[in-house]
Amino acid sequence: MTKAVYELKVSKDYHDKTIKELLTNYGFSAKNQYLVELNNGLFLNKERATRFFHLKEGDRLGLDFSSFKRHGIKPYQKPIEIVYEDESVLIVNKGNKTLIYDDNNDQALINQVEFYRQSQGYFYELLPVHRIDKETTGMVVFGKNPLVVSYLSKRFEEKEVSKIYVALVHHPFNTKDGVIDHPIASDRHNNKERVSHTGKKATSLYKVITSSETSRVEINIIGGRKHQIRVHMAYIGHPVVGDRLYSKDKEGPMYLHFYKIGFKHPNNLEPIEIICEPGF
C-alpha cells in the first residue's frame, strides 16, 4: 500500500450493516474510527461517507490513514524472506534466535521489515499481529495499515486463526495422534511456563509424521499460550529437540517451525491458507 487510502470489498456478512458495525467487528477502536471520520477519511464507492452509512455487498469501503501518526520504527538493513505479500498483509519467515521486537537494539525483525517498507515506498508502518518465540522459526504476519493490524490482531485473540507447527521431538510415539488439553501457568521461580490446574486453558493437537528416537510431528494449537507447544510436548515426554529450557538438550538450534496459517482475509473475508516449509 503505497498510498494512504486503503480499500476493501464489502462481503455479504456486512450487507445492510453500517460502516461503524464493520469497523467495530474488525477490531478498529472507536477512537480510531472517530479520527478517520474527523479527517474526512471515510469513502464509500469513492464518495465521502460517515460511519453511519449503510453498506451493500460488493461496495468498496475506503479509509484514509494520512492523519495517523507513525511509531518511529528505526530501519535495519537485513534481507527478509517473504513468504506471502499482498496490499494488506506481509508474511515473512523468521529465523532462529531472531526477536520480533527488541527494546535493547534496533536490529529486530520489525526493524528489518521497516527497512523493506521504506525501500518499497509503502505509506504506513508494517506491524506484527502476533508473536512467536525467539528460538522458533517460521511465519510472522504483519498488517500494512491500522485497520488490517486491528482486524488480524482480533482474529488471533479470538482464536479464529488456524496455526500449525512442525517440530522434531525426542523419542518414538505409541500413537499416531493425540490431544494435549492441559492449562498452562507461569513458573515465576524458574522463569518458565508449566502445566498447572491453576493456569489458562491450552489445547494442542498433534499428528505423528514419523516416529523414531527423533520423531517429526505436526501440532495444531488452539489458543496460543506462551511456550505452549514446548511445555505440552515436554509434559507428555516428547520435548522439542534443541529446546534448552524444557528438555535436557544443552545446545540448539530448536527444531520448532510455524508451518501453516489460515484466516479470513481482511479485504473480502475469503479464507486464505499460507504454507512455509521448514528447513529441517
C-alpha atoms as a PDB file:
ATOM      1  CA  MET A   1       0.000   0.000   0.000  1.00  0.00           C
ATOM      2  CA  THR A   2       1.990   2.985  -1.287  1.00  0.00           C
ATOM      3  CA  LYS A   3      -0.943   5.376  -0.804  1.00  0.00           C
ATOM      4  CA  ALA A   4      -2.625   6.485   2.406  1.00  0.00           C
ATOM      5  CA  VAL A   5      -6.046   5.168   1.349  1.00  0.00           C
ATOM      6  CA  TYR A   6      -6.876   1.506   1.960  1.00  0.00           C
ATOM      7  CA  GLU A   7      -9.848  -0.053   0.209  1.00  0.00           C
ATOM      8  CA  LEU A   8     -11.727  -3.276   0.918  1.00  0.00           C
ATOM      9  CA  LYS A   9     -14.633  -5.047  -0.701  1.00  0.00           C
ATOM     10  CA  VAL A  10     -17.719  -5.380   1.490  1.00  0.00           C
ATOM     11  CA  SER A  11     -18.677  -9.043   1.926  1.00  0.00           C
ATOM     12  CA  LYS A  12     -22.178 -10.440   2.309  1.00  0.00           C
ATOM     13  CA  ASP A  13     -21.569 -10.599   6.079  1.00  0.00           C
ATOM     14  CA  TYR A  14     -21.968  -6.804   6.215  1.00  0.00           C
ATOM     15  CA  HIS A  15     -24.799  -6.310   3.740  1.00  0.00           C
ATOM     16  CA  ASP A  16     -27.183  -3.719   5.224  1.00  0.00           C
ATOM     17  CA  LYS A  17     -24.815  -3.127   8.153  1.00  0.00           C
ATOM     18  CA  THR A  18     -23.314   0.287   8.903  1.00  0.00           C
ATOM     19  CA  ILE A  19     -19.689   1.227   8.326  1.00  0.00           C
ATOM     20  CA  LYS A  20     -19.390   1.566  12.098  1.00  0.00           C
ATOM     21  CA  GLU A  21     -20.532  -2.026  12.606  1.00  0.00           C
ATOM     22  CA  LEU A  22     -17.981  -3.325  10.122  1.00  0.00           C
ATOM     23  CA  LEU A  23     -15.124  -1.311  11.601  1.00  0.00           C
ATOM     24  CA  THR A  24     -16.051  -2.356  15.148  1.00  0.00           C
ATOM     25  CA  ASN A  25     -16.179  -6.030  14.175  1.00  0.00           C
ATOM     26  CA  TYR A  26     -12.787  -5.584  12.535  1.00  0.00           C
ATOM     27  CA  GLY A  27     -11.447  -4.549  15.946  1.00  0.00           C
ATOM     28  CA  PHE A  28     -10.973  -0.909  14.922  1.00  0.00           C
ATOM     29  CA  SER A  29     -11.351   1.226  18.048  1.00  0.00           C
ATOM     30  CA  ALA A  30     -13.983   3.940  18.438  1.00  0.00           C
ATOM     31  CA  LYS A  31     -11.138   6.440  18.833  1.00  0.00           C
ATOM     32  CA  ASN A  32      -9.593   5.445  15.508  1.00  0.00           C
ATOM     33  CA  GLN A  33     -12.980   5.457  13.795  1.00  0.00           C
ATOM     34  CA  TYR A  34     -13.567   8.996  15.038  1.00  0.00           C
ATOM     35  CA  LEU A  35     -10.091  10.091  13.900  1.00  0.00           C
ATOM     36  CA  VAL A  36     -10.641   8.796  10.367  1.00  0.00           C
ATOM     37  CA  GLU A  37     -14.081  10.381  10.110  1.00  0.00           C
ATOM     38  CA  LEU A  38     -12.917  13.678  11.649  1.00  0.00           C
ATOM     39  CA  ASN A  39     -10.317  13.975   8.896  1.00  0.00           C
ATOM     40  CA  ASN A  40     -12.832  13.182   6.135  1.00  0.00           C
ATOM     41  CA  GLY A  41     -11.136   9.842   5.626  1.00  0.00           C
ATOM     42  CA  LEU A  42     -14.124   7.547   5.048  1.00  0.00           C
ATOM     43  CA  PHE A  43     -15.195   6.711   1.498  1.00  0.00           C
ATOM     44  CA  LEU A  44     -17.939   4.502   0.137  1.00  0.00           C
ATOM     45  CA  ASN A  45     -17.604   3.737  -3.560  1.00  0.00           C
ATOM     46  CA  LYS A  46     -15.155   6.658  -3.869  1.00  0.00           C
ATOM     47  CA  GLU A  47     -17.602   9.124  -2.266  1.00  0.00           C
ATOM     48  CA  ARG A  48     -17.218  10.713   1.176  1.00  0.00           C
ATOM     49  CA  ALA A  49     -19.101   8.834   3.882  1.00  0.00           C
ATOM     50  CA  THR A  50     -19.762   8.729   7.614  1.00  0.00           C
ATOM     51  CA  ARG A  51     -19.717   5.769   9.973  1.00  0.00           C
ATOM     52  CA  PHE A  52     -23.499   5.572   9.850  1.00  0.00           C
ATOM     53  CA  PHE A  53     -23.809   4.909   6.134  1.00  0.00           C
ATOM     54  CA  HIS A  54     -25.273   1.508   5.324  1.00  0.00           C
ATOM     55  CA  LEU A  55     -23.344  -0.985   3.250  1.00  0.00           C
ATOM     56  CA  LYS A  56     -24.269  -3.350   0.444  1.00  0.00           C
ATOM     57  CA  GLU A  57     -22.446  -6.478  -0.617  1.00  0.00           C
ATOM     58  CA  GLY A  58     -19.809  -5.561  -3.192  1.00  0.00           C
ATOM     59  CA  ASP A  59     -19.430  -1.947  -2.052  1.00  0.00           C
ATOM     60  CA  ARG A  60     -15.895  -0.546  -1.881  1.00  0.00           C
ATOM     61  CA  LEU A  61     -15.072   0.921   1.530  1.00  0.00           C
ATOM     62  CA  GLY A  62     -12.051   3.202   1.692  1.00  0.00           C
ATOM     63  CA  LEU A  63     -10.154   4.587   4.669  1.00  0.00           C
ATOM     64  CA  ASP A  64      -7.551   7.356   4.531  1.00  0.00           C
ATOM     65  CA  PHE A  65      -4.828   6.900   7.170  1.00  0.00           C
ATOM     66  CA  SER A  66      -2.804  10.010   6.329  1.00  0.00           C
ATOM     67  CA  SER A  67      -3.754  11.601   9.677  1.00  0.00           C
ATOM     68  CA  PHE A  68      -2.376   8.673  11.703  1.00  0.00           C
ATOM     69  CA  LYS A  69       0.935   9.127  13.484  1.00  0.00           C
ATOM     70  CA  ARG A  70       3.723   6.665  12.781  1.00  0.00           C
ATOM     71  CA  HIS A  71       5.537   4.775  15.541  1.00  0.00           C
ATOM     72  CA  GLY A  72       9.009   5.883  14.514  1.00  0.00           C
ATOM     73  CA  ILE A  73      10.440   2.404  13.958  1.00  0.00           C
ATOM     74  CA  LYS A  74      14.113   2.574  13.034  1.00  0.00           C
ATOM     75  CA  PRO A  75      15.037   0.654   9.865  1.00  0.00           C
ATOM     76  CA  TYR A  76      17.730  -2.017   9.888  1.00  0.00           C
ATOM     77  CA  GLN A  77      19.121  -3.264   6.596  1.00  0.00           C
ATOM     78  CA  LYS A  78      18.992  -7.038   6.509  1.00  0.00           C
ATOM     79  CA  PRO A  79      17.286  -9.184   3.860  1.00  0.00           C
ATOM     80  CA  ILE A  80      13.932 -10.670   4.862  1.00  0.00           C
ATOM     81  CA  GLU A  81      12.453 -13.860   3.419  1.00  0.00           C
ATOM     82  CA  ILE A  82       8.988 -13.030   2.152  1.00  0.00           C
ATOM     83  CA  VAL A  83       6.552 -15.947   2.243  1.00  0.00           C
ATOM     84  CA  TYR A  84       3.473 -14.027   1.065  1.00  0.00           C
ATOM     85  CA  GLU A  85       2.555 -10.431   0.299  1.00  0.00           C
ATOM     86  CA  ASP A  86      -0.446  -8.501  -0.989  1.00  0.00           C
ATOM     87  CA  GLU A  87      -1.861  -4.993  -0.492  1.00  0.00           C
ATOM     88  CA  SER A  88      -2.909  -5.779   3.099  1.00  0.00           C
ATOM     89  CA  VAL A  89      -0.603  -8.422   4.518  1.00  0.00           C
ATOM     90  CA  LEU A  90       3.088  -9.275   4.612  1.00  0.00           C
ATOM     91  CA  ILE A  91       4.201 -12.681   5.933  1.00  0.00           C
ATOM     92  CA  VAL A  92       7.898 -13.305   6.495  1.00  0.00           C
ATOM     93  CA  ASN A  93       9.893 -16.350   7.549  1.00  0.00           C
ATOM     94  CA  LYS A  94      11.622 -15.575  10.855  1.00  0.00           C
ATOM     95  CA  GLY A  95      14.979 -17.172  11.534  1.00  0.00           C
ATOM     96  CA  ASN A  96      16.194 -18.847  14.708  1.00  0.00           C
ATOM     97  CA  LYS A  97      17.301 -16.507  17.524  1.00  0.00           C
ATOM     98  CA  THR A  98      15.573 -13.559  15.859  1.00  0.00           C
ATOM     99  CA  LEU A  99      13.403 -11.356  18.038  1.00  0.00           C
ATOM    100  CA  ILE A 100      10.293  -9.741  16.598  1.00  0.00           C
ATOM    101  CA  TYR A 101      10.796  -6.769  18.933  1.00  0.00           C
ATOM    102  CA  ASP A 102      13.919  -5.825  20.871  1.00  0.00           C
ATOM    103  CA  ASP A 103      13.907  -2.845  23.224  1.00  0.00           C
ATOM    104  CA  ASN A 104      17.685  -3.045  23.590  1.00  0.00           C
ATOM    105  CA  ASN A 105      18.630  -2.535  19.954  1.00  0.00           C
ATOM    106  CA  ASP A 106      17.161  -1.712  16.560  1.00  0.00           C
ATOM    107  CA  GLN A 107      18.062  -4.905  14.698  1.00  0.00           C
ATOM    108  CA  ALA A 108      14.941  -6.983  15.399  1.00  0.00           C
ATOM    109  CA  LEU A 109      12.602  -8.348  12.748  1.00  0.00           C
ATOM    110  CA  ILE A 110      10.327  -5.309  12.958  1.00  0.00           C
ATOM    111  CA  ASN A 111      13.317  -3.080  12.114  1.00  0.00           C
ATOM    112  CA  GLN A 112      14.254  -5.294   9.153  1.00  0.00           C
ATOM    113  CA  VAL A 113      10.673  -5.089   7.884  1.00  0.00           C
ATOM    114  CA  GLU A 114      10.722  -1.309   8.334  1.00  0.00           C
ATOM    115  CA  PHE A 115      13.776  -1.083   6.062  1.00  0.00           C
ATOM    116  CA  TYR A 116      11.900  -3.150   3.484  1.00  0.00           C
ATOM    117  CA  ARG A 117       8.831  -0.892   3.816  1.00  0.00           C
ATOM    118  CA  GLN A 118      10.858   2.225   3.184  1.00  0.00           C
ATOM    119  CA  SER A 119      12.611   0.644   0.205  1.00  0.00           C
ATOM    120  CA  GLN A 120       9.210  -0.177  -1.328  1.00  0.00           C
ATOM    121  CA  GLY A 121       7.686   3.223  -0.568  1.00  0.00           C
ATOM    122  CA  TYR A 122       4.765   1.839   1.420  1.00  0.00           C
ATOM    123  CA  PHE A 123       2.862   4.585   3.200  1.00  0.00           C
ATOM    124  CA  TYR A 124       2.223   3.150   6.667  1.00  0.00           C
ATOM    125  CA  GLU A 125       4.444   1.175   9.029  1.00  0.00           C
ATOM    126  CA  LEU A 126       4.022  -2.600   8.948  1.00  0.00           C
ATOM    127  CA  LEU A 127       3.249  -4.022  12.387  1.00  0.00           C
ATOM    128  CA  PRO A 128       3.236  -7.660  13.584  1.00  0.00           C
ATOM    129  CA  VAL A 129      -0.133  -9.008  14.728  1.00  0.00           C
ATOM    130  CA  HIS A 130       1.160 -11.925  16.828  1.00  0.00           C
ATOM    131  CA  ARG A 131       4.382 -13.311  18.290  1.00  0.00           C
ATOM    132  CA  ILE A 132       6.436 -16.472  18.157  1.00  0.00           C
ATOM    133  CA  ASP A 133       9.360 -17.378  20.407  1.00  0.00           C
ATOM    134  CA  LYS A 134      12.860 -16.154  19.662  1.00  0.00           C
ATOM    135  CA  GLU A 135      14.057 -19.742  19.087  1.00  0.00           C
ATOM    136  CA  THR A 136      11.067 -20.684  16.895  1.00  0.00           C
ATOM    137  CA  THR A 137      11.348 -20.292  13.142  1.00  0.00           C
ATOM    138  CA  GLY A 138       8.553 -19.695  10.677  1.00  0.00           C
ATOM    139  CA  MET A 139       5.853 -17.250   9.782  1.00  0.00           C
ATOM    140  CA  VAL A 140       5.274 -13.832  11.288  1.00  0.00           C
ATOM    141  CA  VAL A 141       2.283 -11.890   9.958  1.00  0.00           C
ATOM    142  CA  PHE A 142       2.423  -8.104   9.524  1.00  0.00           C
ATOM    143  CA  GLY A 143      -0.504  -5.806   8.793  1.00  0.00           C
ATOM    144  CA  LYS A 144       0.091  -2.988   6.323  1.00  0.00           C
ATOM    145  CA  ASN A 145      -2.247  -0.404   7.845  1.00  0.00           C
ATOM    146  CA  PRO A 146      -4.055   0.270  11.156  1.00  0.00           C
ATOM    147  CA  LEU A 147      -7.318  -1.403  10.115  1.00  0.00           C
ATOM    148  CA  VAL A 148      -5.636  -4.611   8.967  1.00  0.00           C
ATOM    149  CA  VAL A 149      -3.484  -4.683  12.120  1.00  0.00           C
ATOM    150  CA  SER A 150      -6.631  -4.359  14.242  1.00  0.00           C
ATOM    151  CA  TYR A 151      -8.517  -6.976  12.228  1.00  0.00           C
ATOM    152  CA  LEU A 152      -5.782  -9.621  12.277  1.00  0.00           C
ATOM    153  CA  SER A 153      -4.891  -8.996  15.921  1.00  0.00           C
ATOM    154  CA  LYS A 154      -8.528  -9.599  16.840  1.00  0.00           C
ATOM    155  CA  ARG A 155      -8.645 -12.797  14.791  1.00  0.00           C
ATOM    156  CA  PHE A 156      -5.647 -14.128  16.720  1.00  0.00           C
ATOM    157  CA  GLU A 157      -7.140 -13.054  20.066  1.00  0.00           C
ATOM    158  CA  GLU A 158     -10.474 -14.708  19.297  1.00  0.00           C
ATOM    159  CA  LYS A 159      -8.825 -17.958  18.156  1.00  0.00           C
ATOM    160  CA  GLU A 160     -10.091 -17.580  14.591  1.00  0.00           C
ATOM    161  CA  VAL A 161      -6.683 -18.292  13.049  1.00  0.00           C
ATOM    162  CA  SER A 162      -5.524 -21.815  12.179  1.00  0.00           C
ATOM    163  CA  LYS A 163      -1.918 -22.295  13.372  1.00  0.00           C
ATOM    164  CA  ILE A 164       0.011 -25.453  12.565  1.00  0.00           C
ATOM    165  CA  TYR A 165       3.615 -26.061  13.557  1.00  0.00           C
ATOM    166  CA  VAL A 166       6.152 -28.729  12.630  1.00  0.00           C
ATOM    167  CA  ALA A 167       8.632 -29.982  15.221  1.00  0.00           C
ATOM    168  CA  LEU A 168      11.298 -32.589  15.770  1.00  0.00           C
ATOM    169  CA  VAL A 169      10.834 -34.116  19.208  1.00  0.00           C
ATOM    170  CA  HIS A 170      12.618 -36.707  21.295  1.00  0.00           C
ATOM    171  CA  HIS A 171      11.568 -40.395  21.498  1.00  0.00           C
ATOM    172  CA  PRO A 172       9.187 -42.591  19.453  1.00  0.00           C
ATOM    173  CA  PHE A 173       5.390 -42.489  19.830  1.00  0.00           C
ATOM    174  CA  ASN A 174       2.936 -45.271  20.603  1.00  0.00           C
ATOM    175  CA  THR A 175       0.061 -43.434  18.907  1.00  0.00           C
ATOM    176  CA  LYS A 176      -0.477 -41.713  15.561  1.00  0.00           C
ATOM    177  CA  ASP A 177      -2.041 -38.601  17.048  1.00  0.00           C
ATOM    178  CA  GLY A 178      -3.328 -37.115  20.270  1.00  0.00           C
ATOM    179  CA  VAL A 179      -4.778 -34.160  22.129  1.00  0.00           C
ATOM    180  CA  ILE A 180      -2.972 -32.373  24.955  1.00  0.00           C
ATOM    181  CA  ASP A 181      -5.568 -30.428  26.901  1.00  0.00           C
ATOM    182  CA  HIS A 182      -3.801 -29.060  29.959  1.00  0.00           C
ATOM    183  CA  PRO A 183      -3.818 -25.482  31.280  1.00  0.00           C
ATOM    184  CA  ILE A 184      -0.534 -23.575  31.393  1.00  0.00           C
ATOM    185  CA  ALA A 185       0.699 -21.192  34.075  1.00  0.00           C
ATOM    186  CA  SER A 186       3.869 -19.206  34.657  1.00  0.00           C
ATOM    187  CA  ASP A 187       6.548 -20.607  36.969  1.00  0.00           C
ATOM    188  CA  ARG A 188       7.950 -17.387  38.385  1.00  0.00           C
ATOM    189  CA  HIS A 189      10.766 -19.099  40.257  1.00  0.00           C
ATOM    190  CA  ASN A 190      12.306 -20.691  37.147  1.00  0.00           C
ATOM    191  CA  ASN A 191      11.270 -18.121  34.509  1.00  0.00           C
ATOM    192  CA  LYS A 192       9.408 -20.884  32.657  1.00  0.00           C
ATOM    193  CA  GLU A 193       5.880 -21.988  31.904  1.00  0.00           C
ATOM    194  CA  ARG A 194       4.361 -25.205  33.283  1.00  0.00           C
ATOM    195  CA  VAL A 195       1.247 -27.338  33.190  1.00  0.00           C
ATOM    196  CA  SER A 196      -0.938 -26.390  36.160  1.00  0.00           C
ATOM    197  CA  HIS A 197      -4.602 -26.705  37.037  1.00  0.00           C
ATOM    198  CA  THR A 198      -4.475 -23.031  38.053  1.00  0.00           C
ATOM    199  CA  GLY A 199      -3.272 -21.964  34.608  1.00  0.00           C
ATOM    200  CA  LYS A 200      -5.068 -20.770  31.495  1.00  0.00           C
ATOM    201  CA  LYS A 201      -6.727 -23.182  29.096  1.00  0.00           C
ATOM    202  CA  ALA A 202      -4.430 -24.511  26.380  1.00  0.00           C
ATOM    203  CA  THR A 203      -5.069 -27.249  23.837  1.00  0.00           C
ATOM    204  CA  SER A 204      -2.573 -28.767  21.405  1.00  0.00           C
ATOM    205  CA  LEU A 205      -3.490 -31.379  18.796  1.00  0.00           C
ATOM    206  CA  TYR A 206      -0.587 -33.355  17.392  1.00  0.00           C
ATOM    207  CA  LYS A 207      -0.170 -35.758  14.489  1.00  0.00           C
ATOM    208  CA  VAL A 208       2.880 -38.019  14.216  1.00  0.00           C
ATOM    209  CA  ILE A 209       4.521 -37.835  10.781  1.00  0.00           C
ATOM    210  CA  THR A 210       7.485 -40.114  11.541  1.00  0.00           C
ATOM    211  CA  SER A 211       8.253 -41.982  14.752  1.00  0.00           C
ATOM    212  CA  SER A 212      11.791 -42.820  15.923  1.00  0.00           C
ATOM    213  CA  GLU A 213      14.269 -41.623  18.518  1.00  0.00           C
ATOM    214  CA  THR A 214      13.806 -38.260  16.810  1.00  0.00           C
ATOM    215  CA  SER A 215      10.185 -38.007  15.721  1.00  0.00           C
ATOM    216  CA  ARG A 216       8.541 -35.494  13.428  1.00  0.00           C
ATOM    217  CA  VAL A 217       5.144 -34.121  14.408  1.00  0.00           C
ATOM    218  CA  GLU A 218       2.596 -31.557  13.255  1.00  0.00           C
ATOM    219  CA  ILE A 219       0.969 -29.570  16.049  1.00  0.00           C
ATOM    220  CA  ASN A 220      -2.208 -27.519  15.791  1.00  0.00           C
ATOM    221  CA  ILE A 221      -2.575 -25.168  18.724  1.00  0.00           C
ATOM    222  CA  ILE A 222      -5.899 -23.864  19.982  1.00  0.00           C
ATOM    223  CA  GLY A 223      -5.267 -20.584  21.697  1.00  0.00           C
ATOM    224  CA  GLY A 224      -1.616 -19.726  21.972  1.00  0.00           C
ATOM    225  CA  ARG A 225      -0.135 -19.585  25.459  1.00  0.00           C
ATOM    226  CA  LYS A 226       3.477 -18.661  25.953  1.00  0.00           C
ATOM    227  CA  HIS A 227       5.720 -21.663  25.110  1.00  0.00           C
ATOM    228  CA  GLN A 228       2.565 -23.772  24.665  1.00  0.00           C
ATOM    229  CA  ILE A 229       3.965 -26.384  22.279  1.00  0.00           C
ATOM    230  CA  ARG A 230       7.256 -26.639  24.133  1.00  0.00           C
ATOM    231  CA  VAL A 231       5.521 -27.112  27.501  1.00  0.00           C
ATOM    232  CA  HIS A 232       2.919 -29.563  26.220  1.00  0.00           C
ATOM    233  CA  MET A 233       5.348 -31.765  24.295  1.00  0.00           C
ATOM    234  CA  ALA A 234       7.735 -31.907  27.248  1.00  0.00           C
ATOM    235  CA  TYR A 235       4.806 -32.745  29.540  1.00  0.00           C
ATOM    236  CA  ILE A 236       3.932 -35.890  27.526  1.00  0.00           C
ATOM    237  CA  GLY A 237       7.574 -36.971  27.381  1.00  0.00           C
ATOM    238  CA  HIS A 238       8.468 -35.686  23.913  1.00  0.00           C
ATOM    239  CA  PRO A 239      10.374 -32.420  24.357  1.00  0.00           C
ATOM    240  CA  VAL A 240      11.309 -30.441  21.266  1.00  0.00           C
ATOM    241  CA  VAL A 241      14.824 -31.192  20.036  1.00  0.00           C
ATOM    242  CA  GLY A 242      17.183 -28.343  20.873  1.00  0.00           C
ATOM    243  CA  ASP A 243      14.883 -26.797  23.485  1.00  0.00           C
ATOM    244  CA  ARG A 244      17.333 -25.815  26.206  1.00  0.00           C
ATOM    245  CA  LEU A 245      14.548 -24.665  28.513  1.00  0.00           C
ATOM    246  CA  TYR A 246      12.214 -27.674  28.563  1.00  0.00           C
ATOM    247  CA  SER A 247      14.469 -30.560  27.533  1.00  0.00           C
ATOM    248  CA  LYS A 248      17.843 -31.885  28.633  1.00  0.00           C
ATOM    249  CA  ASP A 249      19.484 -30.562  25.472  1.00  0.00           C
ATOM    250  CA  LYS A 250      22.361 -28.224  26.198  1.00  0.00           C
ATOM    251  CA  GLU A 251      22.550 -26.610  22.777  1.00  0.00           C
ATOM    252  CA  GLY A 252      20.317 -25.630  19.881  1.00  0.00           C
ATOM    253  CA  PRO A 253      19.012 -24.841  17.413  1.00  0.00           C
ATOM    254  CA  MET A 254      15.467 -25.634  18.437  1.00  0.00           C
ATOM    255  CA  TYR A 255      13.506 -27.563  15.816  1.00  0.00           C
ATOM    256  CA  LEU A 256      10.104 -25.882  16.004  1.00  0.00           C
ATOM    257  CA  HIS A 257       8.667 -24.093  12.973  1.00  0.00           C
ATOM    258  CA  PHE A 258       5.416 -22.179  12.330  1.00  0.00           C
ATOM    259  CA  TYR A 259       4.461 -24.003   9.157  1.00  0.00           C
ATOM    260  CA  LYS A 260       0.874 -23.279   8.105  1.00  0.00           C
ATOM    261  CA  ILE A 261      -1.591 -20.487   8.789  1.00  0.00           C
ATOM    262  CA  GLY A 262      -5.199 -19.956   7.770  1.00  0.00           C
ATOM    263  CA  PHE A 263      -7.522 -16.982   8.273  1.00  0.00           C
ATOM    264  CA  LYS A 264     -10.225 -14.919   6.574  1.00  0.00           C
ATOM    265  CA  HIS A 265      -8.588 -12.209   4.514  1.00  0.00           C
ATOM    266  CA  PRO A 266      -9.453  -8.646   5.606  1.00  0.00           C
ATOM    267  CA  ASN A 267     -10.031  -7.471   2.021  1.00  0.00           C
ATOM    268  CA  ASN A 268     -13.030  -9.722   1.378  1.00  0.00           C
ATOM    269  CA  LEU A 269     -13.319 -12.241   4.253  1.00  0.00           C
ATOM    270  CA  GLU A 270     -12.421 -15.084   1.889  1.00  0.00           C
ATOM    271  CA  PRO A 271     -10.374 -17.888   3.516  1.00  0.00           C
ATOM    272  CA  ILE A 272      -6.664 -17.925   2.775  1.00  0.00           C
ATOM    273  CA  GLU A 273      -4.027 -20.525   3.701  1.00  0.00           C
ATOM    274  CA  ILE A 274      -0.279 -19.950   3.558  1.00  0.00           C
ATOM    275  CA  ILE A 275       2.456 -22.583   3.937  1.00  0.00           C
ATOM    276  CA  CYS A 276       6.101 -22.014   4.832  1.00  0.00           C
ATOM    277  CA  GLU A 277       8.147 -25.199   4.662  1.00  0.00           C
ATOM    278  CA  PRO A 278      10.690 -25.754   7.465  1.00  0.00           C
ATOM    279  CA  GLY A 279      14.398 -26.034   6.854  1.00  0.00           C
ATOM    280  CA  PHE A 280      14.628 -29.405   8.592  1.00  0.00           C
END
